[in-house]
Amino acid sequence: MTSTKRLALLAVAATAAGCGSAGSGLQPARFPARTGWQVGAGHVHACTDMARDRCAQAGSWATTGEWRDCTECLPQRTLAELPSDGIAMTLVVGHGPNAPKQRLDWPPTLRAGDAKSLEGLPARIGVIQRSGRLHGFTAYLFAFFGRARPTAAQLARAQAELGGVELP
């Protein structure tokens, strides 16, 4: 699968957001700006090829390094520079026509054994993905680590950051 196809699949996953209505309080989640983290958030916008009242989404991110990508992109440039002890996370929330059935408890638990590789990223990058219904919206979380299997310290640091996220 090409890098472009992977990015397209990530965008489709992010935009296949849960059922809801426009004006239902959608806003980007907010990662806490703690020491050692850079954080950011995009804005609420219509999903590709759909009216905003049918499908809308908003992304946010946090990293222990420098964020070098767009808010809702597969962060290839960020991850290329991520040190082995680094962490980068993206969280997309939204509403739309294809709501997942499962609920996402927040904050989700991250386990080293759940880390997988993602085609198109360096093999050294471990990724833990979580998705589901969250506060009436669909949420997609990607936690990237600078090593294939994150350390206990990395997992604890990522969990602490997720525990402080302000959700819509």
C-alpha atoms as a PDB file:
ATOM      1  CA  MET A   1       0.000   0.000   0.000  1.00  0.00           C
ATOM      2  CA  THR A   2       1.413   3.361  -0.977  1.00  0.00           C
ATOM      3  CA  SER A   3       1.950   6.228   1.418  1.00  0.00           C
ATOM      4  CA  THR A   4      -0.793   8.161  -0.358  1.00  0.00           C
ATOM      5  CA  LYS A   5      -3.269   5.294   0.036  1.00  0.00           C
ATOM      6  CA  ARG A   6      -2.398   4.961   3.732  1.00  0.00           C
ATOM      7  CA  LEU A   7      -2.972   8.655   4.273  1.00  0.00           C
ATOM      8  CA  ALA A   8      -6.260   8.386   2.381  1.00  0.00           C
ATOM      9  CA  LEU A   9      -7.295   5.457   4.601  1.00  0.00           C
ATOM     10  CA  LEU A  10      -6.398   7.462   7.705  1.00  0.00           C
ATOM     11  CA  ALA A  11      -8.521  10.337   6.400  1.00  0.00           C
ATOM     12  CA  VAL A  12     -11.406   7.968   5.666  1.00  0.00           C
ATOM     13  CA  ALA A  13     -11.148   6.508   9.168  1.00  0.00           C
ATOM     14  CA  ALA A  14     -11.115   9.974  10.649  1.00  0.00           C
ATOM     15  CA  THR A  15     -14.067  11.163   8.596  1.00  0.00           C
ATOM     16  CA  ALA A  16     -16.222   8.085   9.095  1.00  0.00           C
ATOM     17  CA  ALA A  17     -17.161   9.743  12.347  1.00  0.00           C
ATOM     18  CA  GLY A  18     -20.097   8.854  14.534  1.00  0.00           C
ATOM     19  CA  CYS A  19     -23.705   9.916  14.200  1.00  0.00           C
ATOM     20  CA  GLY A  20     -24.592  13.283  15.596  1.00  0.00           C
ATOM     21  CA  SER A  21     -26.009  16.533  14.418  1.00  0.00           C
ATOM     22  CA  ALA A  22     -24.383  19.743  13.342  1.00  0.00           C
ATOM     23  CA  GLY A  23     -24.066  22.197  16.172  1.00  0.00           C
ATOM     24  CA  SER A  24     -23.963  19.352  18.678  1.00  0.00           C
ATOM     25  CA  GLY A  25     -20.984  20.818  20.513  1.00  0.00           C
ATOM     26  CA  LEU A  26     -18.249  19.443  18.285  1.00  0.00           C
ATOM     27  CA  GLN A  27     -14.903  21.053  18.938  1.00  0.00           C
ATOM     28  CA  PRO A  28     -11.346  19.728  18.865  1.00  0.00           C
ATOM     29  CA  ALA A  29     -10.134  17.862  21.909  1.00  0.00           C
ATOM     30  CA  ARG A  30      -7.397  19.750  23.778  1.00  0.00           C
ATOM     31  CA  PHE A  31      -4.221  18.066  24.964  1.00  0.00           C
ATOM     32  CA  PRO A  32      -2.779  19.690  28.101  1.00  0.00           C
ATOM     33  CA  ALA A  33       0.281  21.878  27.500  1.00  0.00           C
ATOM     34  CA  ARG A  34       2.573  20.201  30.029  1.00  0.00           C
ATOM     35  CA  THR A  35       6.310  20.632  30.340  1.00  0.00           C
ATOM     36  CA  GLY A  36       8.044  18.625  27.629  1.00  0.00           C
ATOM     37  CA  TRP A  37       5.020  18.489  25.325  1.00  0.00           C
ATOM     38  CA  GLN A  38       4.064  20.541  22.293  1.00  0.00           C
ATOM     39  CA  VAL A  39       0.330  20.517  21.586  1.00  0.00           C
ATOM     40  CA  GLY A  40      -2.021  21.871  18.979  1.00  0.00           C
ATOM     41  CA  ALA A  41      -5.504  21.613  17.555  1.00  0.00           C
ATOM     42  CA  GLY A  42      -7.198  22.304  14.265  1.00  0.00           C
ATOM     43  CA  HIS A  43     -10.694  23.598  13.705  1.00  0.00           C
ATOM     44  CA  VAL A  44     -14.048  21.963  13.055  1.00  0.00           C
ATOM     45  CA  HIS A  45     -14.567  21.443   9.339  1.00  0.00           C
ATOM     46  CA  ALA A  46     -16.692  19.419   6.941  1.00  0.00           C
ATOM     47  CA  CYS A  47     -15.486  15.971   5.995  1.00  0.00           C
ATOM     48  CA  THR A  48     -14.256  15.522   2.443  1.00  0.00           C
ATOM     49  CA  ASP A  49     -17.110  15.436  -0.088  1.00  0.00           C
ATOM     50  CA  MET A  50     -19.866  15.894   2.526  1.00  0.00           C
ATOM     51  CA  ALA A  51     -21.832  18.828   3.829  1.00  0.00           C
ATOM     52  CA  ARG A  52     -20.809  19.923   7.317  1.00  0.00           C
ATOM     53  CA  ASP A  53     -24.294  19.181   8.674  1.00  0.00           C
ATOM     54  CA  ARG A  54     -23.821  15.519   7.579  1.00  0.00           C
ATOM     55  CA  CYS A  55     -20.215  15.022   8.631  1.00  0.00           C
ATOM     56  CA  ALA A  56     -17.728  17.195  10.502  1.00  0.00           C
ATOM     57  CA  GLN A  57     -14.459  16.568  12.303  1.00  0.00           C
ATOM     58  CA  ALA A  58     -11.696  18.254  14.248  1.00  0.00           C
ATOM     59  CA  GLY A  59      -8.191  17.026  15.032  1.00  0.00           C
ATOM     60  CA  SER A  60      -5.621  17.700  17.708  1.00  0.00           C
ATOM     61  CA  TRP A  61      -2.106  16.503  18.463  1.00  0.00           C
ATOM     62  CA  ALA A  62       0.585  16.272  21.133  1.00  0.00           C
ATOM     63  CA  THR A  63       4.261  15.383  20.824  1.00  0.00           C
ATOM     64  CA  THR A  64       7.396  15.306  22.912  1.00  0.00           C
ATOM     65  CA  GLY A  65       9.301  16.493  19.841  1.00  0.00           C
ATOM     66  CA  GLU A  66       8.395  18.977  17.140  1.00  0.00           C
ATOM     67  CA  TRP A  67       5.138  18.604  15.184  1.00  0.00           C
ATOM     68  CA  ARG A  68       6.001  18.869  11.470  1.00  0.00           C
ATOM     69  CA  ASP A  69       2.746  17.826   9.790  1.00  0.00           C
ATOM     70  CA  CYS A  70      -0.819  19.005   9.290  1.00  0.00           C
ATOM     71  CA  THR A  71      -3.253  18.367  12.131  1.00  0.00           C
ATOM     72  CA  GLU A  72      -5.002  15.359  10.628  1.00  0.00           C
ATOM     73  CA  CYS A  73      -2.168  13.917   8.539  1.00  0.00           C
ATOM     74  CA  LEU A  74      -0.327  10.693   9.107  1.00  0.00           C
ATOM     75  CA  PRO A  75       2.616  12.469  10.805  1.00  0.00           C
ATOM     76  CA  GLN A  76       5.412  11.063   8.649  1.00  0.00           C
ATOM     77  CA  ARG A  77       7.749  14.064   8.961  1.00  0.00           C
ATOM     78  CA  THR A  78       7.200  14.267  12.726  1.00  0.00           C
ATOM     79  CA  LEU A  79       7.902  10.561  13.135  1.00  0.00           C
ATOM     80  CA  ALA A  80      10.995  10.665  10.924  1.00  0.00           C
ATOM     81  CA  GLU A  81      12.574  12.959  13.544  1.00  0.00           C
ATOM     82  CA  LEU A  82      11.074  11.291  16.644  1.00  0.00           C
ATOM     83  CA  PRO A  83      13.815  10.035  18.992  1.00  0.00           C
ATOM     84  CA  SER A  84      13.596   6.531  20.456  1.00  0.00           C
ATOM     85  CA  ASP A  85      12.158   7.915  23.710  1.00  0.00           C
ATOM     86  CA  GLY A  86       9.712  10.211  21.871  1.00  0.00           C
ATOM     87  CA  ILE A  87       5.918  10.151  21.658  1.00  0.00           C
ATOM     88  CA  ALA A  88       3.471  11.708  19.186  1.00  0.00           C
ATOM     89  CA  MET A  89      -0.321  11.404  19.384  1.00  0.00           C
ATOM     90  CA  THR A  90      -3.215  12.477  17.197  1.00  0.00           C
ATOM     91  CA  LEU A  91      -6.878  12.529  18.173  1.00  0.00           C
ATOM     92  CA  VAL A  92      -9.678  13.157  15.669  1.00  0.00           C
ATOM     93  CA  VAL A  93     -13.264  13.595  16.883  1.00  0.00           C
ATOM     94  CA  GLY A  94     -16.320  14.068  14.750  1.00  0.00           C
ATOM     95  CA  HIS A  95     -19.821  13.129  13.702  1.00  0.00           C
ATOM     96  CA  GLY A  96     -21.109  11.664  10.483  1.00  0.00           C
ATOM     97  CA  PRO A  97     -22.970   8.835   8.813  1.00  0.00           C
ATOM     98  CA  ASN A  98     -20.939   5.805   9.978  1.00  0.00           C
ATOM     99  CA  ALA A  99     -20.836   5.625  13.759  1.00  0.00           C
ATOM    100  CA  PRO A 100     -18.900   2.763  15.349  1.00  0.00           C
ATOM    101  CA  LYS A 101     -20.910   0.623  17.739  1.00  0.00           C
ATOM    102  CA  GLN A 102     -18.266   0.195  20.431  1.00  0.00           C
ATOM    103  CA  ARG A 103     -17.700   2.764  23.161  1.00  0.00           C
ATOM    104  CA  LEU A 104     -14.257   4.239  23.784  1.00  0.00           C
ATOM    105  CA  ASP A 105     -13.524   4.612  27.488  1.00  0.00           C
ATOM    106  CA  TRP A 106     -11.418   7.670  28.261  1.00  0.00           C
ATOM    107  CA  PRO A 107      -8.582   7.740  28.759  1.00  0.00           C
ATOM    108  CA  PRO A 108      -7.946   4.534  26.847  1.00  0.00           C
ATOM    109  CA  THR A 109      -5.384   2.158  28.282  1.00  0.00           C
ATOM    110  CA  LEU A 110      -2.174   1.890  26.262  1.00  0.00           C
ATOM    111  CA  ARG A 111      -0.274  -1.408  26.489  1.00  0.00           C
ATOM    112  CA  ALA A 112       3.147  -2.150  25.020  1.00  0.00           C
ATOM    113  CA  GLY A 113       1.832  -5.408  23.577  1.00  0.00           C
ATOM    114  CA  ASP A 114      -0.741  -3.486  21.524  1.00  0.00           C
ATOM    115  CA  ALA A 115       1.934  -1.546  19.616  1.00  0.00           C
ATOM    116  CA  LYS A 116       2.060  -2.460  15.933  1.00  0.00           C
ATOM    117  CA  SER A 117       3.948  -1.227  12.922  1.00  0.00           C
ATOM    118  CA  LEU A 118       2.139   0.799  10.300  1.00  0.00           C
ATOM    119  CA  GLU A 119       3.007   0.347   6.647  1.00  0.00           C
ATOM    120  CA  GLY A 120       4.871   3.317   5.278  1.00  0.00           C
ATOM    121  CA  LEU A 121       6.352   4.330   8.616  1.00  0.00           C
ATOM    122  CA  PRO A 122       9.835   3.378   9.790  1.00  0.00           C
ATOM    123  CA  ALA A 123       9.861  -0.111  11.383  1.00  0.00           C
ATOM    124  CA  ARG A 124      11.212   1.418  14.579  1.00  0.00           C
ATOM    125  CA  ILE A 125       7.918   3.333  15.150  1.00  0.00           C
ATOM    126  CA  GLY A 126       5.323   1.547  17.296  1.00  0.00           C
ATOM    127  CA  VAL A 127       1.675   2.600  16.939  1.00  0.00           C
ATOM    128  CA  ILE A 128      -1.244   1.989  19.288  1.00  0.00           C
ATOM    129  CA  GLN A 129      -4.659   2.781  17.813  1.00  0.00           C
ATOM    130  CA  ARG A 130      -7.957   3.205  19.640  1.00  0.00           C
ATOM    131  CA  SER A 131     -11.364   4.220  18.291  1.00  0.00           C
ATOM    132  CA  GLY A 132     -15.013   4.270  19.248  1.00  0.00           C
ATOM    133  CA  ARG A 133     -17.922   6.370  20.496  1.00  0.00           C
ATOM    134  CA  LEU A 134     -16.840   9.033  22.961  1.00  0.00           C
ATOM    135  CA  HIS A 135     -19.187  11.638  24.499  1.00  0.00           C
ATOM    136  CA  GLY A 136     -21.579  11.277  21.567  1.00  0.00           C
ATOM    137  CA  PHE A 137     -18.851  11.617  18.941  1.00  0.00           C
ATOM    138  CA  THR A 138     -16.563   9.223  17.138  1.00  0.00           C
ATOM    139  CA  ALA A 139     -12.939   9.376  18.222  1.00  0.00           C
ATOM    140  CA  TYR A 140      -9.788   8.030  16.557  1.00  0.00           C
ATOM    141  CA  LEU A 141      -6.586   8.035  18.612  1.00  0.00           C
ATOM    142  CA  PHE A 142      -3.158   7.179  17.218  1.00  0.00           C
ATOM    143  CA  ALA A 143      -0.277   7.009  19.715  1.00  0.00           C
ATOM    144  CA  PHE A 144       3.137   6.775  18.024  1.00  0.00           C
ATOM    145  CA  PHE A 145       6.321   5.827  19.869  1.00  0.00           C
ATOM    146  CA  GLY A 146       9.954   6.223  18.812  1.00  0.00           C
ATOM    147  CA  ARG A 147      10.522   2.488  19.229  1.00  0.00           C
ATOM    148  CA  ALA A 148       8.603  -0.564  18.053  1.00  0.00           C
ATOM    149  CA  ARG A 149       7.736  -1.556  21.621  1.00  0.00           C
ATOM    150  CA  PRO A 150       7.252   1.449  23.923  1.00  0.00           C
ATOM    151  CA  THR A 151       8.896   1.436  27.322  1.00  0.00           C
ATOM    152  CA  ALA A 152       6.968   1.557  30.596  1.00  0.00           C
ATOM    153  CA  ALA A 153       8.138   5.172  30.992  1.00  0.00           C
ATOM    154  CA  GLN A 154       6.812   6.126  27.526  1.00  0.00           C
ATOM    155  CA  LEU A 155       3.465   4.464  28.208  1.00  0.00           C
ATOM    156  CA  ALA A 156       3.148   6.214  31.577  1.00  0.00           C
ATOM    157  CA  ARG A 157       4.001   9.572  30.010  1.00  0.00           C
ATOM    158  CA  ALA A 158       1.476   9.072  27.189  1.00  0.00           C
ATOM    159  CA  GLN A 159      -1.214   7.911  29.656  1.00  0.00           C
ATOM    160  CA  ALA A 160      -0.649  10.997  31.808  1.00  0.00           C
ATOM    161  CA  GLU A 161      -1.052  13.252  28.764  1.00  0.00           C
ATOM    162  CA  LEU A 162      -4.220  11.443  27.673  1.00  0.00           C
ATOM    163  CA  GLY A 163      -5.604  11.715  31.202  1.00  0.00           C
ATOM    164  CA  GLY A 164      -5.539  15.506  30.935  1.00  0.00           C
ATOM    165  CA  VAL A 165      -7.233  15.811  27.530  1.00  0.00           C
ATOM    166  CA  GLU A 166     -10.258  18.134  27.453  1.00  0.00           C
ATOM    167  CA  LEU A 167     -12.892  16.366  25.375  1.00  0.00           C
ATOM    168  CA  PRO A 168     -15.773  17.951  23.463  1.00  0.00           C
END
